[in-house]
């Protein structure tokens, strides 16, 4: 997929909420209730369309109804379901902003502009966003905090992220530092 056919992950159903079929959703949208603003979402493989109706926003996430889901058992069956949308359904980002999906595939370069890897994912395990970078020298991946201090420049047009990379290339390649 490329361009308008690419899909973007907007959230994940955490579980059921209440007894009438509502679900709790962890959203990745800037404004939580916007999870339902882009029309029907699909599951991870794109095979199931899910139409949401936001009921309210809580500190734990968005409480929403899902069309066709009317009881807790059906809502519980959706736990873990990822909610995807076509990239073309999203508004273009403002100047200097980007979608995390746009970072995947960008070259990772050090402060001197030397390429050392490629962004393969953006992760968040609860303590902040991380770039998952596959190192050119070894094929292994390293997680780098996605902060201004560690990633001072993102240039989508040039196809790169500048990373304040702390390791020497010899170490990354498995050689000694002698």
N, C-alpha and C. Protein backbone atom coordinates (compact mmCIF):
# COMPACT_ATOMS: atom_id res chain seq x y z
N UNK A 1 0.84 -1.19 0.00
CA UNK A 1 0.00 0.00 0.00
C UNK A 1 0.87 1.24 0.00
N UNK A 2 0.37 2.27 -0.60
CA UNK A 2 1.09 3.52 -0.55
C UNK A 2 0.12 4.67 -0.74
N UNK A 3 0.54 5.83 -0.30
CA UNK A 3 -0.27 7.03 -0.46
C UNK A 3 -1.62 6.92 0.21
N UNK A 4 -2.68 7.19 -0.58
CA UNK A 4 -4.04 7.23 -0.03
C UNK A 4 -4.54 5.86 0.41
N UNK A 5 -3.91 4.78 -0.06
CA UNK A 5 -4.34 3.43 0.32
C UNK A 5 -3.80 3.01 1.68
N UNK A 6 -2.81 3.73 2.21
CA UNK A 6 -2.24 3.36 3.50
C UNK A 6 -3.28 3.55 4.60
N UNK A 7 -3.16 2.72 5.62
CA UNK A 7 -4.06 2.83 6.76
C UNK A 7 -3.29 3.31 7.97
N UNK A 8 -4.00 4.00 8.85
CA UNK A 8 -3.42 4.57 10.06
C UNK A 8 -4.18 4.02 11.26
N UNK A 9 -3.45 3.59 12.27
CA UNK A 9 -4.05 3.07 13.49
C UNK A 9 -4.50 4.25 14.35
N UNK A 10 -5.81 4.30 14.66
CA UNK A 10 -6.36 5.40 15.45
C UNK A 10 -6.64 5.01 16.89
N UNK A 11 -6.74 3.72 17.18
CA UNK A 11 -7.04 3.32 18.54
C UNK A 11 -7.15 1.81 18.67
N UNK A 12 -7.44 1.40 19.89
CA UNK A 12 -7.57 -0.03 20.19
C UNK A 12 -8.68 -0.19 21.24
N UNK A 13 -9.55 -1.15 21.03
CA UNK A 13 -10.61 -1.42 22.00
C UNK A 13 -9.99 -2.15 23.19
N UNK A 14 -10.11 -1.54 24.36
CA UNK A 14 -9.50 -2.11 25.57
C UNK A 14 -10.40 -3.16 26.20
N UNK A 15 -11.71 -3.02 26.03
CA UNK A 15 -12.63 -3.98 26.61
C UNK A 15 -14.05 -3.44 26.65
N UNK A 16 -14.92 -4.21 27.28
CA UNK A 16 -16.32 -3.82 27.40
C UNK A 16 -16.48 -2.79 28.51
N UNK A 17 -17.54 -1.97 28.39
CA UNK A 17 -17.87 -0.99 29.43
C UNK A 17 -19.38 -1.07 29.66
N UNK A 18 -19.75 -1.52 30.83
CA UNK A 18 -21.17 -1.62 31.15
C UNK A 18 -21.78 -2.88 30.56
N UNK A 19 -23.11 -2.93 30.57
CA UNK A 19 -23.81 -4.14 30.13
C UNK A 19 -24.58 -3.98 28.82
N UNK A 20 -24.55 -2.77 28.24
CA UNK A 20 -25.34 -2.51 27.04
C UNK A 20 -24.53 -2.53 25.75
N UNK A 21 -23.32 -3.09 25.79
CA UNK A 21 -22.55 -3.25 24.56
C UNK A 21 -21.55 -2.16 24.27
N UNK A 22 -21.38 -1.19 25.17
CA UNK A 22 -20.38 -0.14 24.95
C UNK A 22 -18.97 -0.70 25.16
N UNK A 23 -18.00 -0.03 24.57
CA UNK A 23 -16.60 -0.43 24.70
C UNK A 23 -15.76 0.75 25.19
N UNK A 24 -14.63 0.42 25.79
CA UNK A 24 -13.64 1.41 26.18
C UNK A 24 -12.55 1.38 25.13
N UNK A 25 -12.22 2.55 24.59
CA UNK A 25 -11.22 2.64 23.52
C UNK A 25 -10.06 3.51 23.96
N UNK A 26 -8.86 3.00 23.77
CA UNK A 26 -7.63 3.80 23.95
C UNK A 26 -7.36 4.41 22.59
N UNK A 27 -7.40 5.74 22.54
CA UNK A 27 -7.25 6.42 21.25
C UNK A 27 -5.83 6.95 21.06
N UNK A 28 -5.45 7.07 19.80
CA UNK A 28 -4.17 7.67 19.43
C UNK A 28 -4.40 8.97 18.68
N UNK A 29 -5.62 9.49 18.73
CA UNK A 29 -5.94 10.75 18.08
C UNK A 29 -5.59 11.91 19.03
N UNK A 30 -5.29 13.06 18.46
CA UNK A 30 -4.95 14.23 19.29
C UNK A 30 -6.12 14.61 20.20
N UNK A 31 -7.31 14.60 19.65
CA UNK A 31 -8.54 14.85 20.42
C UNK A 31 -9.25 13.51 20.52
N UNK A 32 -9.41 13.00 21.72
CA UNK A 32 -9.90 11.64 21.94
C UNK A 32 -11.20 11.33 21.20
N UNK A 33 -12.19 12.23 21.28
CA UNK A 33 -13.48 11.93 20.65
C UNK A 33 -13.44 11.94 19.12
N UNK A 34 -12.33 12.38 18.54
CA UNK A 34 -12.20 12.34 17.08
C UNK A 34 -12.05 10.93 16.54
N UNK A 35 -11.94 9.94 17.40
CA UNK A 35 -11.85 8.55 16.97
C UNK A 35 -13.01 8.18 16.04
N UNK A 36 -14.16 8.82 16.22
CA UNK A 36 -15.34 8.51 15.41
C UNK A 36 -15.58 9.52 14.29
N UNK A 37 -14.68 10.47 14.11
CA UNK A 37 -14.92 11.57 13.17
C UNK A 37 -14.58 11.25 11.71
N UNK A 38 -14.00 10.08 11.45
CA UNK A 38 -13.51 9.80 10.10
C UNK A 38 -14.31 8.72 9.39
N UNK A 39 -15.52 8.46 9.90
CA UNK A 39 -16.36 7.44 9.30
C UNK A 39 -16.06 6.08 9.90
N UNK A 40 -16.59 5.03 9.27
CA UNK A 40 -16.33 3.69 9.81
C UNK A 40 -14.84 3.36 9.82
N UNK A 41 -14.42 2.70 10.88
CA UNK A 41 -13.05 2.24 10.99
C UNK A 41 -13.04 0.76 10.65
N UNK A 42 -11.86 0.21 10.42
CA UNK A 42 -11.78 -1.22 10.16
C UNK A 42 -10.89 -1.88 11.19
N UNK A 43 -11.01 -3.20 11.28
CA UNK A 43 -10.12 -3.94 12.16
C UNK A 43 -8.75 -4.06 11.48
N UNK A 44 -7.81 -4.76 12.10
CA UNK A 44 -6.43 -4.82 11.61
C UNK A 44 -6.31 -5.34 10.19
N UNK A 45 -7.10 -6.34 9.83
CA UNK A 45 -6.97 -6.89 8.48
C UNK A 45 -7.87 -6.20 7.46
N UNK A 46 -8.64 -5.22 7.91
CA UNK A 46 -9.50 -4.45 7.01
C UNK A 46 -10.79 -5.15 6.63
N UNK A 47 -11.04 -6.32 7.21
CA UNK A 47 -12.20 -7.11 6.83
C UNK A 47 -13.50 -6.73 7.51
N UNK A 48 -13.42 -6.05 8.65
CA UNK A 48 -14.64 -5.71 9.39
C UNK A 48 -14.72 -4.21 9.59
N UNK A 49 -15.83 -3.61 9.16
CA UNK A 49 -16.05 -2.19 9.37
C UNK A 49 -16.72 -2.00 10.73
N UNK A 50 -16.25 -1.01 11.48
CA UNK A 50 -16.78 -0.73 12.81
C UNK A 50 -17.20 0.74 12.86
N UNK A 51 -18.51 0.96 13.01
CA UNK A 51 -19.03 2.32 13.11
C UNK A 51 -19.21 2.64 14.59
N UNK A 52 -18.56 3.72 15.04
CA UNK A 52 -18.58 4.09 16.45
C UNK A 52 -19.48 5.28 16.71
N UNK A 53 -20.05 5.30 17.92
CA UNK A 53 -20.76 6.48 18.41
C UNK A 53 -20.19 6.78 19.79
N UNK A 54 -19.48 7.91 19.89
CA UNK A 54 -18.86 8.29 21.16
C UNK A 54 -19.93 8.67 22.16
N UNK A 55 -19.86 8.07 23.33
CA UNK A 55 -20.79 8.40 24.42
C UNK A 55 -20.18 9.48 25.31
N UNK A 56 -18.91 9.26 25.69
CA UNK A 56 -18.21 10.25 26.53
C UNK A 56 -16.73 9.92 26.56
N UNK A 57 -15.95 10.88 27.05
CA UNK A 57 -14.51 10.70 27.21
C UNK A 57 -14.20 10.64 28.70
N UNK A 58 -13.41 9.66 29.10
CA UNK A 58 -13.01 9.51 30.49
C UNK A 58 -11.49 9.52 30.57
N UNK A 59 -10.93 9.62 31.76
CA UNK A 59 -9.46 9.57 31.87
C UNK A 59 -8.87 8.24 31.36
N UNK A 60 -9.66 7.18 31.36
CA UNK A 60 -9.17 5.88 30.88
C UNK A 60 -9.30 5.71 29.37
N UNK A 61 -10.10 6.54 28.73
CA UNK A 61 -10.31 6.42 27.29
C UNK A 61 -11.69 6.87 26.89
N UNK A 62 -12.07 6.52 25.68
CA UNK A 62 -13.36 6.90 25.12
C UNK A 62 -14.34 5.75 25.32
N UNK A 63 -15.52 6.09 25.82
CA UNK A 63 -16.60 5.12 25.91
C UNK A 63 -17.44 5.31 24.65
N UNK A 64 -17.63 4.21 23.90
CA UNK A 64 -18.36 4.32 22.63
C UNK A 64 -19.22 3.10 22.41
N UNK A 65 -20.29 3.34 21.63
CA UNK A 65 -21.10 2.25 21.14
C UNK A 65 -20.58 1.83 19.78
N UNK A 66 -20.75 0.57 19.45
CA UNK A 66 -20.35 0.05 18.15
C UNK A 66 -21.62 -0.47 17.47
N UNK A 67 -21.86 -0.02 16.26
CA UNK A 67 -23.07 -0.45 15.53
C UNK A 67 -23.13 -1.97 15.49
N UNK A 68 -24.30 -2.51 15.86
CA UNK A 68 -24.51 -3.95 15.84
C UNK A 68 -24.10 -4.68 17.10
N UNK A 69 -23.53 -3.96 18.06
CA UNK A 69 -23.11 -4.57 19.32
C UNK A 69 -24.07 -4.08 20.40
N UNK A 70 -24.85 -5.01 20.98
CA UNK A 70 -25.91 -4.60 21.90
C UNK A 70 -25.80 -5.17 23.30
N UNK A 71 -24.76 -6.00 23.56
CA UNK A 71 -24.64 -6.54 24.91
C UNK A 71 -23.17 -6.69 25.29
N UNK A 72 -22.95 -6.91 26.58
CA UNK A 72 -21.59 -6.99 27.11
C UNK A 72 -20.77 -8.12 26.48
N UNK A 73 -21.40 -9.25 26.24
CA UNK A 73 -20.68 -10.40 25.66
C UNK A 73 -20.10 -10.04 24.29
N UNK A 74 -20.91 -9.40 23.46
CA UNK A 74 -20.44 -9.00 22.13
C UNK A 74 -19.35 -7.93 22.24
N UNK A 75 -19.49 -7.02 23.20
CA UNK A 75 -18.48 -5.99 23.42
C UNK A 75 -17.17 -6.60 23.90
N UNK A 76 -17.26 -7.58 24.81
CA UNK A 76 -16.05 -8.25 25.30
C UNK A 76 -15.30 -8.96 24.18
N UNK A 77 -16.02 -9.46 23.20
CA UNK A 77 -15.40 -10.15 22.06
C UNK A 77 -14.55 -9.20 21.21
N UNK A 78 -14.79 -7.90 21.33
CA UNK A 78 -14.02 -6.91 20.56
C UNK A 78 -12.74 -6.47 21.26
N UNK A 79 -12.53 -6.89 22.49
CA UNK A 79 -11.33 -6.47 23.24
C UNK A 79 -10.07 -6.79 22.44
N UNK A 80 -9.20 -5.80 22.35
CA UNK A 80 -7.95 -5.95 21.60
C UNK A 80 -8.05 -5.57 20.14
N UNK A 81 -9.26 -5.33 19.64
CA UNK A 81 -9.43 -4.97 18.23
C UNK A 81 -8.80 -3.61 17.95
N UNK A 82 -7.94 -3.58 16.95
CA UNK A 82 -7.34 -2.31 16.52
C UNK A 82 -8.31 -1.61 15.59
N UNK A 83 -8.29 -0.28 15.63
CA UNK A 83 -9.20 0.54 14.84
C UNK A 83 -8.38 1.35 13.83
N UNK A 84 -8.55 1.02 12.57
CA UNK A 84 -7.77 1.60 11.48
C UNK A 84 -8.65 2.45 10.57
N UNK A 85 -8.03 3.42 9.90
CA UNK A 85 -8.72 4.26 8.92
C UNK A 85 -7.78 4.47 7.74
N UNK A 86 -8.35 4.68 6.57
CA UNK A 86 -7.51 5.00 5.41
C UNK A 86 -6.84 6.35 5.64
N UNK A 87 -5.59 6.45 5.30
CA UNK A 87 -4.82 7.70 5.47
C UNK A 87 -5.52 8.85 4.74
N UNK A 88 -6.14 8.55 3.62
CA UNK A 88 -6.82 9.59 2.82
C UNK A 88 -8.02 10.20 3.55
N UNK A 89 -8.56 9.53 4.57
CA UNK A 89 -9.70 10.06 5.32
C UNK A 89 -9.28 11.09 6.36
N UNK A 90 -7.99 11.16 6.64
CA UNK A 90 -7.49 12.09 7.66
C UNK A 90 -7.15 13.43 7.03
N UNK A 91 -7.27 14.51 7.79
CA UNK A 91 -6.88 15.82 7.26
C UNK A 91 -5.36 15.87 7.10
N UNK A 92 -4.91 16.68 6.18
CA UNK A 92 -3.46 16.87 6.02
C UNK A 92 -2.93 17.54 7.28
N UNK A 93 -1.78 17.09 7.75
CA UNK A 93 -1.21 17.71 8.95
C UNK A 93 -0.77 19.15 8.69
N UNK A 94 -0.79 19.96 9.73
CA UNK A 94 -0.32 21.34 9.61
C UNK A 94 1.18 21.36 9.37
N UNK A 95 1.68 22.51 8.96
CA UNK A 95 3.12 22.70 8.74
C UNK A 95 3.90 22.29 10.00
N UNK A 96 4.91 21.46 9.82
CA UNK A 96 5.73 21.03 10.94
C UNK A 96 5.14 19.90 11.74
N UNK A 97 3.95 19.41 11.34
CA UNK A 97 3.33 18.28 12.01
C UNK A 97 3.29 17.09 11.05
N UNK A 98 3.05 15.90 11.60
CA UNK A 98 3.03 14.70 10.78
C UNK A 98 2.29 13.61 11.54
N UNK A 99 1.90 12.60 10.83
CA UNK A 99 1.33 11.41 11.45
C UNK A 99 2.46 10.43 11.70
N UNK A 100 2.38 9.71 12.81
CA UNK A 100 3.43 8.75 13.13
C UNK A 100 3.60 7.74 12.01
N UNK A 101 2.52 7.37 11.33
CA UNK A 101 2.61 6.43 10.22
C UNK A 101 3.53 6.95 9.12
N UNK A 102 3.65 8.29 9.01
CA UNK A 102 4.52 8.88 8.00
C UNK A 102 5.99 8.71 8.32
N UNK A 103 6.32 8.35 9.56
CA UNK A 103 7.72 8.19 9.97
C UNK A 103 8.29 6.84 9.56
N UNK A 104 7.43 5.84 9.45
CA UNK A 104 7.88 4.50 9.10
C UNK A 104 8.49 4.52 7.70
N UNK A 105 9.71 4.01 7.60
CA UNK A 105 10.43 3.99 6.33
C UNK A 105 11.43 5.12 6.16
N UNK A 106 11.39 6.11 7.06
CA UNK A 106 12.34 7.21 6.95
C UNK A 106 13.73 6.75 7.37
N UNK A 107 14.75 7.31 6.72
CA UNK A 107 16.13 7.04 7.08
C UNK A 107 16.44 7.68 8.43
N UNK A 108 17.19 6.97 9.25
CA UNK A 108 17.67 7.52 10.52
C UNK A 108 19.12 7.94 10.29
N UNK A 109 19.40 9.22 10.50
CA UNK A 109 20.75 9.74 10.32
C UNK A 109 21.24 10.33 11.63
N UNK A 110 22.56 10.29 11.83
CA UNK A 110 23.12 10.87 13.05
C UNK A 110 23.25 12.38 12.89
N UNK A 111 23.81 13.04 13.87
CA UNK A 111 23.89 14.50 13.87
C UNK A 111 24.79 15.02 12.74
N UNK A 112 25.68 14.16 12.23
CA UNK A 112 26.55 14.54 11.11
C UNK A 112 25.90 14.23 9.77
N UNK A 113 24.72 13.65 9.79
CA UNK A 113 24.01 13.34 8.55
C UNK A 113 24.32 11.97 7.98
N UNK A 114 25.03 11.11 8.73
CA UNK A 114 25.38 9.77 8.27
C UNK A 114 24.24 8.81 8.60
N UNK A 115 23.78 8.13 7.58
CA UNK A 115 22.68 7.18 7.77
C UNK A 115 23.17 5.97 8.56
N UNK A 116 22.40 5.58 9.59
CA UNK A 116 22.75 4.39 10.36
C UNK A 116 21.59 3.41 10.48
N UNK A 117 20.41 3.78 9.95
CA UNK A 117 19.29 2.87 10.05
C UNK A 117 18.03 3.42 9.41
N UNK A 118 16.91 2.75 9.73
CA UNK A 118 15.61 3.12 9.19
C UNK A 118 14.54 2.94 10.26
N UNK A 119 13.60 3.89 10.32
CA UNK A 119 12.50 3.79 11.26
C UNK A 119 11.56 2.68 10.78
N UNK A 120 11.31 1.70 11.66
CA UNK A 120 10.41 0.60 11.29
C UNK A 120 9.08 0.67 12.03
N UNK A 121 9.02 1.46 13.12
CA UNK A 121 7.76 1.60 13.87
C UNK A 121 7.89 2.74 14.86
N UNK A 122 6.75 3.21 15.34
CA UNK A 122 6.69 4.13 16.47
C UNK A 122 5.90 3.38 17.54
N UNK A 123 6.51 3.24 18.71
CA UNK A 123 5.91 2.45 19.80
C UNK A 123 5.64 3.35 21.00
N UNK A 124 4.75 2.90 21.86
CA UNK A 124 4.53 3.54 23.15
C UNK A 124 4.10 2.45 24.12
N UNK A 125 4.96 2.17 25.08
CA UNK A 125 4.68 1.13 26.06
C UNK A 125 4.22 1.73 27.38
N UNK A 126 3.86 3.02 27.36
CA UNK A 126 3.33 3.67 28.54
C UNK A 126 4.18 4.80 29.09
N UNK A 127 5.44 4.86 28.71
CA UNK A 127 6.33 5.89 29.25
C UNK A 127 6.71 6.94 28.22
N UNK A 128 6.05 6.95 27.08
CA UNK A 128 6.33 7.93 26.05
C UNK A 128 6.60 7.25 24.72
N UNK A 129 6.58 8.05 23.66
CA UNK A 129 6.77 7.52 22.32
C UNK A 129 8.24 7.17 22.07
N UNK A 130 8.43 6.10 21.30
CA UNK A 130 9.76 5.61 20.97
C UNK A 130 9.83 5.33 19.48
N UNK A 131 10.95 5.67 18.85
CA UNK A 131 11.18 5.26 17.47
C UNK A 131 11.88 3.92 17.51
N UNK A 132 11.38 2.97 16.76
CA UNK A 132 12.02 1.66 16.63
C UNK A 132 12.83 1.74 15.34
N UNK A 133 14.16 1.71 15.48
CA UNK A 133 15.05 1.91 14.34
C UNK A 133 15.82 0.63 14.06
N UNK A 134 15.73 0.15 12.81
CA UNK A 134 16.51 -1.01 12.38
C UNK A 134 17.88 -0.50 11.96
N UNK A 135 18.93 -1.00 12.63
CA UNK A 135 20.29 -0.58 12.34
C UNK A 135 20.78 -1.20 11.04
N UNK A 136 21.38 -0.39 10.19
CA UNK A 136 21.89 -0.87 8.91
C UNK A 136 22.99 -1.90 9.10
N UNK A 137 23.85 -1.70 10.09
CA UNK A 137 25.02 -2.55 10.27
C UNK A 137 24.67 -3.95 10.75
N UNK A 138 23.64 -4.09 11.56
CA UNK A 138 23.36 -5.39 12.18
C UNK A 138 21.99 -5.96 11.85
N UNK A 139 21.08 -5.13 11.42
CA UNK A 139 19.71 -5.58 11.19
C UNK A 139 18.88 -5.64 12.45
N UNK A 140 19.52 -5.44 13.59
CA UNK A 140 18.80 -5.41 14.86
C UNK A 140 18.08 -4.08 15.00
N UNK A 141 17.10 -4.04 15.91
CA UNK A 141 16.40 -2.78 16.14
C UNK A 141 16.75 -2.21 17.50
N UNK A 142 16.72 -0.90 17.58
CA UNK A 142 16.96 -0.16 18.82
C UNK A 142 15.82 0.82 19.01
N UNK A 143 15.42 1.02 20.26
CA UNK A 143 14.38 2.00 20.59
C UNK A 143 15.05 3.29 21.03
N UNK A 144 14.58 4.40 20.46
CA UNK A 144 15.11 5.73 20.78
C UNK A 144 13.95 6.59 21.25
N UNK A 145 14.08 7.26 22.40
CA UNK A 145 12.99 8.14 22.86
C UNK A 145 12.66 9.18 21.78
N UNK A 146 11.38 9.30 21.47
CA UNK A 146 10.97 10.26 20.45
C UNK A 146 10.70 11.60 21.12
N UNK A 147 11.80 12.28 21.47
CA UNK A 147 11.76 13.60 22.10
C UNK A 147 12.63 14.53 21.28
N UNK A 148 12.48 15.83 21.47
CA UNK A 148 13.31 16.82 20.77
C UNK A 148 14.79 16.62 21.08
N UNK A 149 15.10 16.20 22.32
CA UNK A 149 16.50 16.00 22.70
C UNK A 149 17.14 14.85 21.92
N UNK A 150 16.39 13.79 21.66
CA UNK A 150 16.95 12.63 20.96
C UNK A 150 16.68 12.65 19.46
N UNK A 151 15.58 13.27 19.04
CA UNK A 151 15.22 13.35 17.63
C UNK A 151 14.90 14.82 17.33
N UNK A 152 15.97 15.63 17.14
CA UNK A 152 15.74 17.06 16.98
C UNK A 152 15.14 17.49 15.66
N UNK A 153 15.16 16.61 14.65
CA UNK A 153 14.66 17.03 13.35
C UNK A 153 13.96 15.88 12.64
N UNK A 154 12.73 16.13 12.19
CA UNK A 154 11.99 15.20 11.35
C UNK A 154 11.73 15.92 10.04
N UNK A 155 12.22 15.35 8.94
CA UNK A 155 12.05 15.96 7.63
C UNK A 155 11.39 14.95 6.70
N UNK A 156 10.06 14.98 6.67
CA UNK A 156 9.30 14.03 5.87
C UNK A 156 9.67 14.17 4.39
N UNK A 157 9.76 15.42 3.91
CA UNK A 157 10.05 15.65 2.49
C UNK A 157 11.41 15.07 2.09
N UNK A 158 12.40 15.18 2.97
CA UNK A 158 13.74 14.65 2.68
C UNK A 158 13.82 13.16 2.99
N UNK A 159 12.80 12.63 3.68
CA UNK A 159 12.78 11.20 3.99
C UNK A 159 13.71 10.78 5.09
N UNK A 160 13.87 11.67 6.11
CA UNK A 160 14.80 11.29 7.19
C UNK A 160 14.41 11.88 8.53
N UNK A 161 14.93 11.23 9.56
CA UNK A 161 14.87 11.77 10.92
C UNK A 161 16.31 11.89 11.39
N UNK A 162 16.62 13.01 12.00
CA UNK A 162 17.96 13.21 12.56
C UNK A 162 17.90 12.78 14.02
N UNK A 163 18.81 11.88 14.40
CA UNK A 163 18.79 11.29 15.73
C UNK A 163 20.13 11.57 16.42
N UNK A 164 20.05 12.03 17.65
CA UNK A 164 21.25 12.21 18.46
C UNK A 164 21.63 10.82 18.95
N UNK A 165 22.36 10.11 18.10
CA UNK A 165 22.65 8.69 18.30
C UNK A 165 23.84 8.54 19.23
N UNK A 166 23.66 7.88 20.38
CA UNK A 166 24.72 7.83 21.39
C UNK A 166 25.81 6.79 21.15
N UNK A 167 25.56 5.81 20.29
CA UNK A 167 26.53 4.73 20.10
C UNK A 167 27.46 5.00 18.92
N UNK A 168 28.70 4.56 19.05
CA UNK A 168 29.63 4.62 17.92
C UNK A 168 29.25 3.51 16.96
N UNK A 169 29.52 3.71 15.68
CA UNK A 169 29.15 2.72 14.67
C UNK A 169 29.88 1.40 14.87
N UNK A 170 31.14 1.43 15.34
CA UNK A 170 31.88 0.20 15.56
C UNK A 170 31.17 -0.68 16.59
N UNK A 171 30.65 -0.05 17.65
CA UNK A 171 29.92 -0.79 18.67
C UNK A 171 28.64 -1.36 18.08
N UNK A 172 27.94 -0.55 17.30
CA UNK A 172 26.70 -1.00 16.68
C UNK A 172 26.96 -2.17 15.72
N UNK A 173 28.17 -2.22 15.14
CA UNK A 173 28.50 -3.30 14.21
C UNK A 173 29.05 -4.51 14.94
N UNK A 174 29.22 -4.43 16.25
CA UNK A 174 29.69 -5.56 17.02
C UNK A 174 31.20 -5.61 17.21
N UNK A 175 31.91 -4.57 16.77
CA UNK A 175 33.37 -4.54 16.94
C UNK A 175 33.70 -3.92 18.28
N UNK A 176 34.90 -4.10 18.75
CA UNK A 176 35.32 -3.51 20.04
C UNK A 176 35.59 -2.03 19.87
N UNK A 177 35.68 -1.32 21.01
CA UNK A 177 35.91 0.11 20.98
C UNK A 177 37.38 0.46 21.13
N UNK A 178 38.28 -0.48 21.00
CA UNK A 178 39.71 -0.23 21.23
C UNK A 178 40.28 0.79 20.28
